[in-house]
Amino acid sequence: MSNYRLESQLERDVCAWAKSQGGYAVKLLIDGERGWPDQTIWLPGGRVVVPELKRPFKNDGGSVNQVKWLRRLQRLGHAAGLCESVDDVQRLFETIGV
């Protein structure tokens, strides 16, 4: 996998992965809130994965608002985190079990 991929290509790959798992990936914009993660992925069995996508080697750790949302979601028990690849999203998904 090239280190020079655009974040938009990573988003397309993550959406394709979600579809291959029988789920849906959606980019949500929440009115009045900044920093919501890039994708919200609904998967069979009521599982939800919420990755903040970052290009490899351009990962700045996320903005203050992005980190705030990821921490909130994690405290609530959701699989949420920074991801630089589809493999990272897969690992995040595996943390929620079946």
PDB file of N, CA and C in Angstrom:
ATOM      1  N   MET A   1       0.848  -1.173   0.000  1.00  0.00           N
ATOM      2  CA  MET A   1       0.000   0.000   0.000  1.00  0.00           C
ATOM      3  C   MET A   1       0.895   1.237   0.000  1.00  0.00           C
ATOM      4  N   SER A   2       0.630   2.131  -0.900  1.00  0.00           N
ATOM      5  CA  SER A   2       1.449   3.332  -1.021  1.00  0.00           C
ATOM      6  C   SER A   2       1.234   4.269   0.161  1.00  0.00           C
ATOM      7  N   ASN A   3       2.313   4.912   0.565  1.00  0.00           N
ATOM      8  CA  ASN A   3       2.230   5.882   1.654  1.00  0.00           C
ATOM      9  C   ASN A   3       1.730   7.240   1.167  1.00  0.00           C
ATOM     10  N   TYR A   4       1.517   7.384  -0.133  1.00  0.00           N
ATOM     11  CA  TYR A   4       1.147   8.668  -0.713  1.00  0.00           C
ATOM     12  C   TYR A   4      -0.316   8.711  -1.154  1.00  0.00           C
ATOM     13  N   ARG A   5      -1.116   7.811  -0.636  1.00  0.00           N
ATOM     14  CA  ARG A   5      -2.524   7.770  -0.984  1.00  0.00           C
ATOM     15  C   ARG A   5      -3.258   8.955  -0.360  1.00  0.00           C
ATOM     16  N   LEU A   6      -4.254   9.414  -1.046  1.00  0.00           N
ATOM     17  CA  LEU A   6      -5.079  10.496  -0.524  1.00  0.00           C
ATOM     18  C   LEU A   6      -6.076   9.939   0.482  1.00  0.00           C
ATOM     19  N   GLU A   7      -6.482  10.782   1.413  1.00  0.00           N
ATOM     20  CA  GLU A   7      -7.480  10.371   2.396  1.00  0.00           C
ATOM     21  C   GLU A   7      -8.786   9.986   1.712  1.00  0.00           C
ATOM     22  N   SER A   8      -9.121  10.654   0.610  1.00  0.00           N
ATOM     23  CA  SER A   8     -10.353  10.325  -0.116  1.00  0.00           C
ATOM     24  C   SER A   8     -10.313   8.896  -0.654  1.00  0.00           C
ATOM     25  N   GLN A   9      -9.143   8.424  -1.084  1.00  0.00           N
ATOM     26  CA  GLN A   9      -9.016   7.041  -1.554  1.00  0.00           C
ATOM     27  C   GLN A   9      -9.173   6.072  -0.382  1.00  0.00           C
ATOM     28  N   LEU A  10      -8.600   6.421   0.761  1.00  0.00           N
ATOM     29  CA  LEU A  10      -8.768   5.598   1.958  1.00  0.00           C
ATOM     30  C   LEU A  10     -10.250   5.510   2.316  1.00  0.00           C
ATOM     31  N   GLU A  11     -10.973   6.631   2.230  1.00  0.00           N
ATOM     32  CA  GLU A  11     -12.415   6.613   2.510  1.00  0.00           C
ATOM     33  C   GLU A  11     -13.142   5.674   1.558  1.00  0.00           C
ATOM     34  N   ARG A  12     -12.801   5.709   0.273  1.00  0.00           N
ATOM     35  CA  ARG A  12     -13.446   4.807  -0.693  1.00  0.00           C
ATOM     36  C   ARG A  12     -13.147   3.353  -0.347  1.00  0.00           C
ATOM     37  N   ASP A  13     -11.908   3.062   0.027  1.00  0.00           N
ATOM     38  CA  ASP A  13     -11.525   1.692   0.388  1.00  0.00           C
ATOM     39  C   ASP A  13     -12.266   1.220   1.637  1.00  0.00           C
ATOM     40  N   VAL A  14     -12.424   2.105   2.613  1.00  0.00           N
ATOM     41  CA  VAL A  14     -13.142   1.757   3.843  1.00  0.00           C
ATOM     42  C   VAL A  14     -14.612   1.500   3.529  1.00  0.00           C
ATOM     43  N   CYS A  15     -15.202   2.307   2.662  1.00  0.00           N
ATOM     44  CA  CYS A  15     -16.600   2.088   2.268  1.00  0.00           C
ATOM     45  C   CYS A  15     -16.748   0.742   1.551  1.00  0.00           C
ATOM     46  N   ALA A  16     -15.798   0.407   0.694  1.00  0.00           N
ATOM     47  CA  ALA A  16     -15.834  -0.892   0.004  1.00  0.00           C
ATOM     48  C   ALA A  16     -15.690  -2.031   1.005  1.00  0.00           C
ATOM     49  N   TRP A  17     -14.817  -1.868   1.994  1.00  0.00           N
ATOM     50  CA  TRP A  17     -14.661  -2.894   3.030  1.00  0.00           C
ATOM     51  C   TRP A  17     -15.969  -3.086   3.790  1.00  0.00           C
ATOM     52  N   ALA A  18     -16.608  -1.989   4.182  1.00  0.00           N
ATOM     53  CA  ALA A  18     -17.874  -2.080   4.917  1.00  0.00           C
ATOM     54  C   ALA A  18     -18.909  -2.844   4.093  1.00  0.00           C
ATOM     55  N   LYS A  19     -18.995  -2.528   2.815  1.00  0.00           N
ATOM     56  CA  LYS A  19     -19.942  -3.214   1.936  1.00  0.00           C
ATOM     57  C   LYS A  19     -19.616  -4.699   1.838  1.00  0.00           C
ATOM     58  N   SER A  20     -18.322  -5.035   1.772  1.00  0.00           N
ATOM     59  CA  SER A  20     -17.918  -6.452   1.687  1.00  0.00           C
ATOM     60  C   SER A  20     -18.275  -7.222   2.956  1.00  0.00           C
ATOM     61  N   GLN A  21     -18.466  -6.499   4.062  1.00  0.00           N
ATOM     62  CA  GLN A  21     -18.843  -7.114   5.335  1.00  0.00           C
ATOM     63  C   GLN A  21     -20.364  -7.166   5.503  1.00  0.00           C
ATOM     64  N   GLY A  22     -21.097  -6.686   4.497  1.00  0.00           N
ATOM     65  CA  GLY A  22     -22.553  -6.654   4.567  1.00  0.00           C
ATOM     66  C   GLY A  22     -23.092  -5.427   5.256  1.00  0.00           C
ATOM     67  N   GLY A  23     -22.258  -4.382   5.371  1.00  0.00           N
ATOM     68  CA  GLY A  23     -22.666  -3.181   6.089  1.00  0.00           C
ATOM     69  C   GLY A  23     -22.660  -1.940   5.223  1.00  0.00           C
ATOM     70  N   TYR A  24     -22.744  -0.806   5.887  1.00  0.00           N
ATOM     71  CA  TYR A  24     -22.785   0.497   5.229  1.00  0.00           C
ATOM     72  C   TYR A  24     -21.845   1.458   5.944  1.00  0.00           C
ATOM     73  N   ALA A  25     -21.141   2.254   5.157  1.00  0.00           N
ATOM     74  CA  ALA A  25     -20.304   3.328   5.712  1.00  0.00           C
ATOM     75  C   ALA A  25     -20.884   4.647   5.241  1.00  0.00           C
ATOM     76  N   VAL A  26     -21.058   5.564   6.177  1.00  0.00           N
ATOM     77  CA  VAL A  26     -21.676   6.846   5.871  1.00  0.00           C
ATOM     78  C   VAL A  26     -20.833   7.964   6.472  1.00  0.00           C
ATOM     79  N   LYS A  27     -20.655   9.022   5.704  1.00  0.00           N
ATOM     80  CA  LYS A  27     -19.981  10.217   6.208  1.00  0.00           C
ATOM     81  C   LYS A  27     -21.060  11.128   6.770  1.00  0.00           C
ATOM     82  N   LEU A  28     -21.079  11.285   8.085  1.00  0.00           N
ATOM     83  CA  LEU A  28     -22.102  12.095   8.742  1.00  0.00           C
ATOM     84  C   LEU A  28     -21.571  13.490   9.042  1.00  0.00           C
ATOM     85  N   LEU A  29     -22.422  14.462   8.867  1.00  0.00           N
ATOM     86  CA  LEU A  29     -22.129  15.828   9.293  1.00  0.00           C
ATOM     87  C   LEU A  29     -23.186  16.177  10.321  1.00  0.00           C
ATOM     88  N   ILE A  30     -22.753  16.528  11.511  1.00  0.00           N
ATOM     89  CA  ILE A  30     -23.674  16.833  12.588  1.00  0.00           C
ATOM     90  C   ILE A  30     -23.727  18.350  12.742  1.00  0.00           C
ATOM     91  N   ASP A  31     -24.890  18.907  12.505  1.00  0.00           N
ATOM     92  CA  ASP A  31     -25.074  20.350  12.566  1.00  0.00           C
ATOM     93  C   ASP A  31     -24.669  20.887  13.941  1.00  0.00           C
ATOM     94  N   GLY A  32     -23.810  21.859  13.949  1.00  0.00           N
ATOM     95  CA  GLY A  32     -23.397  22.492  15.198  1.00  0.00           C
ATOM     96  C   GLY A  32     -22.276  21.774  15.929  1.00  0.00           C
ATOM     97  N   GLU A  33     -21.805  20.661  15.394  1.00  0.00           N
ATOM     98  CA  GLU A  33     -20.718  19.911  16.036  1.00  0.00           C
ATOM     99  C   GLU A  33     -19.566  19.768  15.052  1.00  0.00           C
ATOM    100  N   ARG A  34     -18.374  19.954  15.542  1.00  0.00           N
ATOM    101  CA  ARG A  34     -17.178  19.767  14.720  1.00  0.00           C
ATOM    102  C   ARG A  34     -16.419  18.564  15.232  1.00  0.00           C
ATOM    103  N   GLY A  35     -15.746  17.875  14.329  1.00  0.00           N
ATOM    104  CA  GLY A  35     -14.847  16.812  14.736  1.00  0.00           C
ATOM    105  C   GLY A  35     -15.418  15.407  14.707  1.00  0.00           C
ATOM    106  N   TRP A  36     -16.692  15.237  14.293  1.00  0.00           N
ATOM    107  CA  TRP A  36     -17.240  13.887  14.218  1.00  0.00           C
ATOM    108  C   TRP A  36     -16.342  13.073  13.282  1.00  0.00           C
ATOM    109  N   PRO A  37     -16.034  11.817  13.630  1.00  0.00           N
ATOM    110  CA  PRO A  37     -15.145  10.990  12.809  1.00  0.00           C
ATOM    111  C   PRO A  37     -15.603  10.883  11.351  1.00  0.00           C
ATOM    112  N   ASP A  38     -14.640  10.595  10.476  1.00  0.00           N
ATOM    113  CA  ASP A  38     -14.866  10.606   9.031  1.00  0.00           C
ATOM    114  C   ASP A  38     -15.962   9.656   8.563  1.00  0.00           C
ATOM    115  N   GLN A  39     -16.041   8.497   9.141  1.00  0.00           N
ATOM    116  CA  GLN A  39     -17.019   7.506   8.710  1.00  0.00           C
ATOM    117  C   GLN A  39     -17.730   6.913   9.919  1.00  0.00           C
ATOM    118  N   THR A  40     -18.991   6.567   9.726  1.00  0.00           N
ATOM    119  CA  THR A  40     -19.735   5.782  10.703  1.00  0.00           C
ATOM    120  C   THR A  40     -20.147   4.528   9.958  1.00  0.00           C
ATOM    121  N   ILE A  41     -19.706   3.383  10.449  1.00  0.00           N
ATOM    122  CA  ILE A  41     -19.917   2.125   9.742  1.00  0.00           C
ATOM    123  C   ILE A  41     -20.866   1.254  10.545  1.00  0.00           C
ATOM    124  N   TRP A  42     -22.007   0.932   9.926  1.00  0.00           N
ATOM    125  CA  TRP A  42     -22.975   0.029  10.532  1.00  0.00           C
ATOM    126  C   TRP A  42     -22.778  -1.340   9.910  1.00  0.00           C
ATOM    127  N   LEU A  43     -22.610  -2.351  10.768  1.00  0.00           N
ATOM    128  CA  LEU A  43     -22.354  -3.716  10.318  1.00  0.00           C
ATOM    129  C   LEU A  43     -23.417  -4.656  10.867  1.00  0.00           C
ATOM    130  N   PRO A  44     -23.585  -5.811  10.223  1.00  0.00           N
ATOM    131  CA  PRO A  44     -24.578  -6.769  10.710  1.00  0.00           C
ATOM    132  C   PRO A  44     -24.374  -7.089  12.192  1.00  0.00           C
ATOM    133  N   GLY A  45     -25.456  -7.426  12.846  1.00  0.00           N
ATOM    134  CA  GLY A  45     -25.392  -7.772  14.260  1.00  0.00           C
ATOM    135  C   GLY A  45     -25.402  -6.581  15.187  1.00  0.00           C
ATOM    136  N   GLY A  46     -25.757  -5.400  14.657  1.00  0.00           N
ATOM    137  CA  GLY A  46     -25.825  -4.212  15.498  1.00  0.00           C
ATOM    138  C   GLY A  46     -24.475  -3.640  15.870  1.00  0.00           C
ATOM    139  N   ARG A  47     -23.438  -3.997  15.133  1.00  0.00           N
ATOM    140  CA  ARG A  47     -22.091  -3.495  15.428  1.00  0.00           C
ATOM    141  C   ARG A  47     -21.836  -2.187  14.681  1.00  0.00           C
ATOM    142  N   VAL A  48     -21.177  -1.259  15.358  1.00  0.00           N
ATOM    143  CA  VAL A  48     -20.862   0.049  14.778  1.00  0.00           C
ATOM    144  C   VAL A  48     -19.378   0.328  14.989  1.00  0.00           C
ATOM    145  N   VAL A  49     -18.728   0.785  13.933  1.00  0.00           N
ATOM    146  CA  VAL A  49     -17.320   1.181  13.985  1.00  0.00           C
ATOM    147  C   VAL A  49     -17.248   2.634  13.523  1.00  0.00           C
ATOM    148  N   VAL A  50     -16.497   3.457  14.268  1.00  0.00           N
ATOM    149  CA  VAL A  50     -16.437   4.887  13.959  1.00  0.00           C
ATOM    150  C   VAL A  50     -14.962   5.309  13.842  1.00  0.00           C
ATOM    151  N   PRO A  51     -14.391   5.173  12.629  1.00  0.00           N
ATOM    152  CA  PRO A  51     -12.987   5.551  12.452  1.00  0.00           C
ATOM    153  C   PRO A  51     -12.798   6.996  12.012  1.00  0.00           C
ATOM    154  N   GLU A  52     -11.771   7.625  12.549  1.00  0.00           N
ATOM    155  CA  GLU A  52     -11.274   8.903  12.044  1.00  0.00           C
ATOM    156  C   GLU A  52     -10.112   8.535  11.139  1.00  0.00           C
ATOM    157  N   LEU A  53     -10.245   8.779   9.842  1.00  0.00           N
ATOM    158  CA  LEU A  53      -9.257   8.336   8.869  1.00  0.00           C
ATOM    159  C   LEU A  53      -8.165   9.384   8.676  1.00  0.00           C
ATOM    160  N   LYS A  54      -6.941   8.910   8.635  1.00  0.00           N
ATOM    161  CA  LYS A  54      -5.780   9.774   8.422  1.00  0.00           C
ATOM    162  C   LYS A  54      -4.865   9.128   7.395  1.00  0.00           C
ATOM    163  N   ARG A  55      -4.297   9.943   6.522  1.00  0.00           N
ATOM    164  CA  ARG A  55      -3.300   9.418   5.579  1.00  0.00           C
ATOM    165  C   ARG A  55      -2.087   8.916   6.343  1.00  0.00           C
ATOM    166  N   PRO A  56      -1.515   7.792   5.900  1.00  0.00           N
ATOM    167  CA  PRO A  56      -0.278   7.326   6.534  1.00  0.00           C
ATOM    168  C   PRO A  56       0.800   8.419   6.500  1.00  0.00           C
ATOM    169  N   PHE A  57       1.504   8.553   7.581  1.00  0.00           N
ATOM    170  CA  PHE A  57       2.597   9.516   7.754  1.00  0.00           C
ATOM    171  C   PHE A  57       2.122  10.961   7.777  1.00  0.00           C
ATOM    172  N   LYS A  58       0.812  11.184   7.700  1.00  0.00           N
ATOM    173  CA  LYS A  58       0.260  12.531   7.837  1.00  0.00           C
ATOM    174  C   LYS A  58      -0.644  12.577   9.067  1.00  0.00           C
ATOM    175  N   ASN A  59      -0.567  11.537   9.875  1.00  0.00           N
ATOM    176  CA  ASN A  59      -1.426  11.430  11.043  1.00  0.00           C
ATOM    177  C   ASN A  59      -0.937  12.403  12.108  1.00  0.00           C
ATOM    178  N   ASP A  60      -1.708  13.443  12.318  1.00  0.00           N
ATOM    179  CA  ASP A  60      -1.355  14.468  13.300  1.00  0.00           C
ATOM    180  C   ASP A  60      -1.991  14.190  14.655  1.00  0.00           C
ATOM    181  N   GLY A  61      -2.648  13.027  14.781  1.00  0.00           N
ATOM    182  CA  GLY A  61      -3.309  12.688  16.034  1.00  0.00           C
ATOM    183  C   GLY A  61      -4.724  13.220  16.122  1.00  0.00           C
ATOM    184  N   GLY A  62      -5.143  13.973  15.122  1.00  0.00           N
ATOM    185  CA  GLY A  62      -6.500  14.492  15.096  1.00  0.00           C
ATOM    186  C   GLY A  62      -6.607  15.848  15.777  1.00  0.00           C
ATOM    187  N   SER A  63      -7.612  16.581  15.377  1.00  0.00           N
ATOM    188  CA  SER A  63      -7.862  17.889  15.985  1.00  0.00           C
ATOM    189  C   SER A  63      -8.412  17.700  17.401  1.00  0.00           C
ATOM    190  N   VAL A  64      -8.452  18.772  18.150  1.00  0.00           N
ATOM    191  CA  VAL A  64      -9.004  18.724  19.507  1.00  0.00           C
ATOM    192  C   VAL A  64     -10.425  18.179  19.471  1.00  0.00           C
ATOM    193  N   ASN A  65     -11.237  18.659  18.524  1.00  0.00           N
ATOM    194  CA  ASN A  65     -12.621  18.205  18.426  1.00  0.00           C
ATOM    195  C   ASN A  65     -12.717  16.736  18.013  1.00  0.00           C
ATOM    196  N   GLN A  66     -11.836  16.294  17.114  1.00  0.00           N
ATOM    197  CA  GLN A  66     -11.839  14.886  16.704  1.00  0.00           C
ATOM    198  C   GLN A  66     -11.491  13.990  17.884  1.00  0.00           C
ATOM    199  N   VAL A  67     -10.470  14.356  18.618  1.00  0.00           N
ATOM    200  CA  VAL A  67     -10.052  13.565  19.787  1.00  0.00           C
ATOM    201  C   VAL A  67     -11.164  13.544  20.828  1.00  0.00           C
ATOM    202  N   LYS A  68     -11.842  14.672  21.029  1.00  0.00           N
ATOM    203  CA  LYS A  68     -12.948  14.750  21.979  1.00  0.00           C
ATOM    204  C   LYS A  68     -14.037  13.746  21.612  1.00  0.00           C
ATOM    205  N   TRP A  69     -14.430  13.722  20.333  1.00  0.00           N
ATOM    206  CA  TRP A  69     -15.464  12.788  19.901  1.00  0.00           C
ATOM    207  C   TRP A  69     -15.016  11.343  20.038  1.00  0.00           C
ATOM    208  N   LEU A  70     -13.780  11.039  19.652  1.00  0.00           N
ATOM    209  CA  LEU A  70     -13.295   9.659  19.764  1.00  0.00           C
ATOM    210  C   LEU A  70     -13.312   9.198  21.217  1.00  0.00           C
ATOM    211  N   ARG A  71     -12.868  10.051  22.121  1.00  0.00           N
ATOM    212  CA  ARG A  71     -12.863   9.688  23.551  1.00  0.00           C
ATOM    213  C   ARG A  71     -14.277   9.498  24.082  1.00  0.00           C
ATOM    214  N   ARG A  72     -15.189  10.380  23.694  1.00  0.00           N
ATOM    215  CA  ARG A  72     -16.592  10.225  24.117  1.00  0.00           C
ATOM    216  C   ARG A  72     -17.145   8.878  23.661  1.00  0.00           C
ATOM    217  N   LEU A  73     -16.945   8.565  22.387  1.00  0.00           N
ATOM    218  CA  LEU A  73     -17.461   7.316  21.833  1.00  0.00           C
ATOM    219  C   LEU A  73     -16.822   6.099  22.504  1.00  0.00           C
ATOM    220  N   GLN A  74     -15.516   6.170  22.756  1.00  0.00           N
ATOM    221  CA  GLN A  74     -14.824   5.061  23.424  1.00  0.00           C
ATOM    222  C   GLN A  74     -15.361   4.872  24.838  1.00  0.00           C
ATOM    223  N   ARG A  75     -15.577   5.969  25.564  1.00  0.00           N
ATOM    224  CA  ARG A  75     -16.126   5.861  26.923  1.00  0.00           C
ATOM    225  C   ARG A  75     -17.498   5.201  26.924  1.00  0.00           C
ATOM    226  N   LEU A  76     -18.250   5.380  25.855  1.00  0.00           N
ATOM    227  CA  LEU A  76     -19.566   4.766  25.736  1.00  0.00           C
ATOM    228  C   LEU A  76     -19.493   3.316  25.243  1.00  0.00           C
ATOM    229  N   GLY A  77     -18.267   2.845  25.001  1.00  0.00           N
ATOM    230  CA  GLY A  77     -18.080   1.456  24.598  1.00  0.00           C
ATOM    231  C   GLY A  77     -18.079   1.202  23.104  1.00  0.00           C
ATOM    232  N   HIS A  78     -18.022   2.258  22.307  1.00  0.00           N
ATOM    233  CA  HIS A  78     -18.012   2.096  20.853  1.00  0.00           C
ATOM    234  C   HIS A  78     -16.597   1.905  20.331  1.00  0.00           C
ATOM    235  N   ALA A  79     -16.493   1.200  19.208  1.00  0.00           N
ATOM    236  CA  ALA A  79     -15.214   1.009  18.528  1.00  0.00           C
ATOM    237  C   ALA A  79     -14.939   2.280  17.732  1.00  0.00           C
ATOM    238  N   ALA A  80     -14.123   3.157  18.277  1.00  0.00           N
ATOM    239  CA  ALA A  80     -13.804   4.432  17.647  1.00  0.00           C
ATOM    240  C   ALA A  80     -12.306   4.673  17.800  1.00  0.00           C
ATOM    241  N   GLY A  81     -11.663   5.172  16.734  1.00  0.00           N
ATOM    242  CA  GLY A  81     -10.244   5.456  16.837  1.00  0.00           C
ATOM    243  C   GLY A  81      -9.675   6.001  15.543  1.00  0.00           C
ATOM    244  N   LEU A  82      -8.418   6.402  15.604  1.00  0.00           N
ATOM    245  CA  LEU A  82      -7.689   6.878  14.430  1.00  0.00           C
ATOM    246  C   LEU A  82      -7.254   5.683  13.598  1.00  0.00           C
ATOM    247  N   CYS A  83      -7.454   5.758  12.288  1.00  0.00           N
ATOM    248  CA  CYS A  83      -7.094   4.659  11.391  1.00  0.00           C
ATOM    249  C   CYS A  83      -6.377   5.213  10.167  1.00  0.00           C
ATOM    250  N   GLU A  84      -5.280   4.558   9.797  1.00  0.00           N
ATOM    251  CA  GLU A  84      -4.511   4.958   8.616  1.00  0.00           C
ATOM    252  C   GLU A  84      -4.699   4.001   7.450  1.00  0.00           C
ATOM    253  N   SER A  85      -5.470   2.913   7.655  1.00  0.00           N
ATOM    254  CA  SER A  85      -5.637   1.910   6.608  1.00  0.00           C
ATOM    255  C   SER A  85      -6.905   1.105   6.857  1.00  0.00           C
ATOM    256  N   VAL A  86      -7.301   0.346   5.844  1.00  0.00           N
ATOM    257  CA  VAL A  86      -8.432  -0.566   6.011  1.00  0.00           C
ATOM    258  C   VAL A  86      -8.086  -1.603   7.073  1.00  0.00           C
ATOM    259  N   ASP A  87      -6.827  -2.028   7.129  1.00  0.00           N
ATOM    260  CA  ASP A  87      -6.399  -2.980   8.166  1.00  0.00           C
ATOM    261  C   ASP A  87      -6.630  -2.405   9.562  1.00  0.00           C
ATOM    262  N   ASP A  88      -6.367  -1.116   9.749  1.00  0.00           N
ATOM    263  CA  ASP A  88      -6.628  -0.479  11.043  1.00  0.00           C
ATOM    264  C   ASP A  88      -8.124  -0.508  11.374  1.00  0.00           C
ATOM    265  N   VAL A  89      -8.973  -0.270  10.369  1.00  0.00           N
ATOM    266  CA  VAL A  89     -10.420  -0.320  10.584  1.00  0.00           C
ATOM    267  C   VAL A  89     -10.839  -1.737  10.944  1.00  0.00           C
ATOM    268  N   GLN A  90     -10.267  -2.728  10.248  1.00  0.00           N
ATOM    269  CA  GLN A  90     -10.556  -4.134  10.551  1.00  0.00           C
ATOM    270  C   GLN A  90     -10.175  -4.463  12.003  1.00  0.00           C
ATOM    271  N   ARG A  91      -9.012  -3.999  12.448  1.00  0.00           N
ATOM    272  CA  ARG A  91      -8.589  -4.248  13.833  1.00  0.00           C
ATOM    273  C   ARG A  91      -9.538  -3.558  14.816  1.00  0.00           C
ATOM    274  N   LEU A  92      -9.974  -2.362  14.496  1.00  0.00           N
ATOM    275  CA  LEU A  92     -10.933  -1.647  15.335  1.00  0.00           C
ATOM    276  C   LEU A  92     -12.235  -2.446  15.416  1.00  0.00           C
ATOM    277  N   PHE A  93     -12.694  -2.955  14.301  1.00  0.00           N
ATOM    278  CA  PHE A  93     -13.892  -3.788  14.237  1.00  0.00           C
ATOM    279  C   PHE A  93     -13.739  -5.027  15.123  1.00  0.00           C
ATOM    280  N   GLU A  94     -12.574  -5.634  15.095  1.00  0.00           N
ATOM    281  CA  GLU A  94     -12.346  -6.854  15.880  1.00  0.00           C
ATOM    282  C   GLU A  94     -12.402  -6.606  17.374  1.00  0.00           C
ATOM    283  N   THR A  95     -12.223  -5.355  17.803  1.00  0.00           N
ATOM    284  CA  THR A  95     -12.287  -5.054  19.236  1.00  0.00           C
ATOM    285  C   THR A  95     -13.694  -5.160  19.802  1.00  0.00           C
ATOM    286  N   ILE A  96     -14.708  -5.128  18.930  1.00  0.00           N
ATOM    287  CA  ILE A  96     -16.079  -5.174  19.425  1.00  0.00           C
ATOM    288  C   ILE A  96     -16.643  -6.591  19.453  1.00  0.00           C
ATOM    289  N   GLY A  97     -15.903  -7.559  18.928  1.00  0.00           N
ATOM    290  CA  GLY A  97     -16.359  -8.943  18.988  1.00  0.00           C
ATOM    291  C   GLY A  97     -17.577  -9.203  18.134  1.00  0.00           C
ATOM    292  N   VAL A  98     -18.118 -10.384  18.309  1.00  0.00           N
ATOM    293  CA  VAL A  98     -19.256 -10.809  17.488  1.00  0.00           C
ATOM    294  C   VAL A  98     -20.526 -10.755  18.283  1.00  0.00           C
TER     295      VAL A  98
END
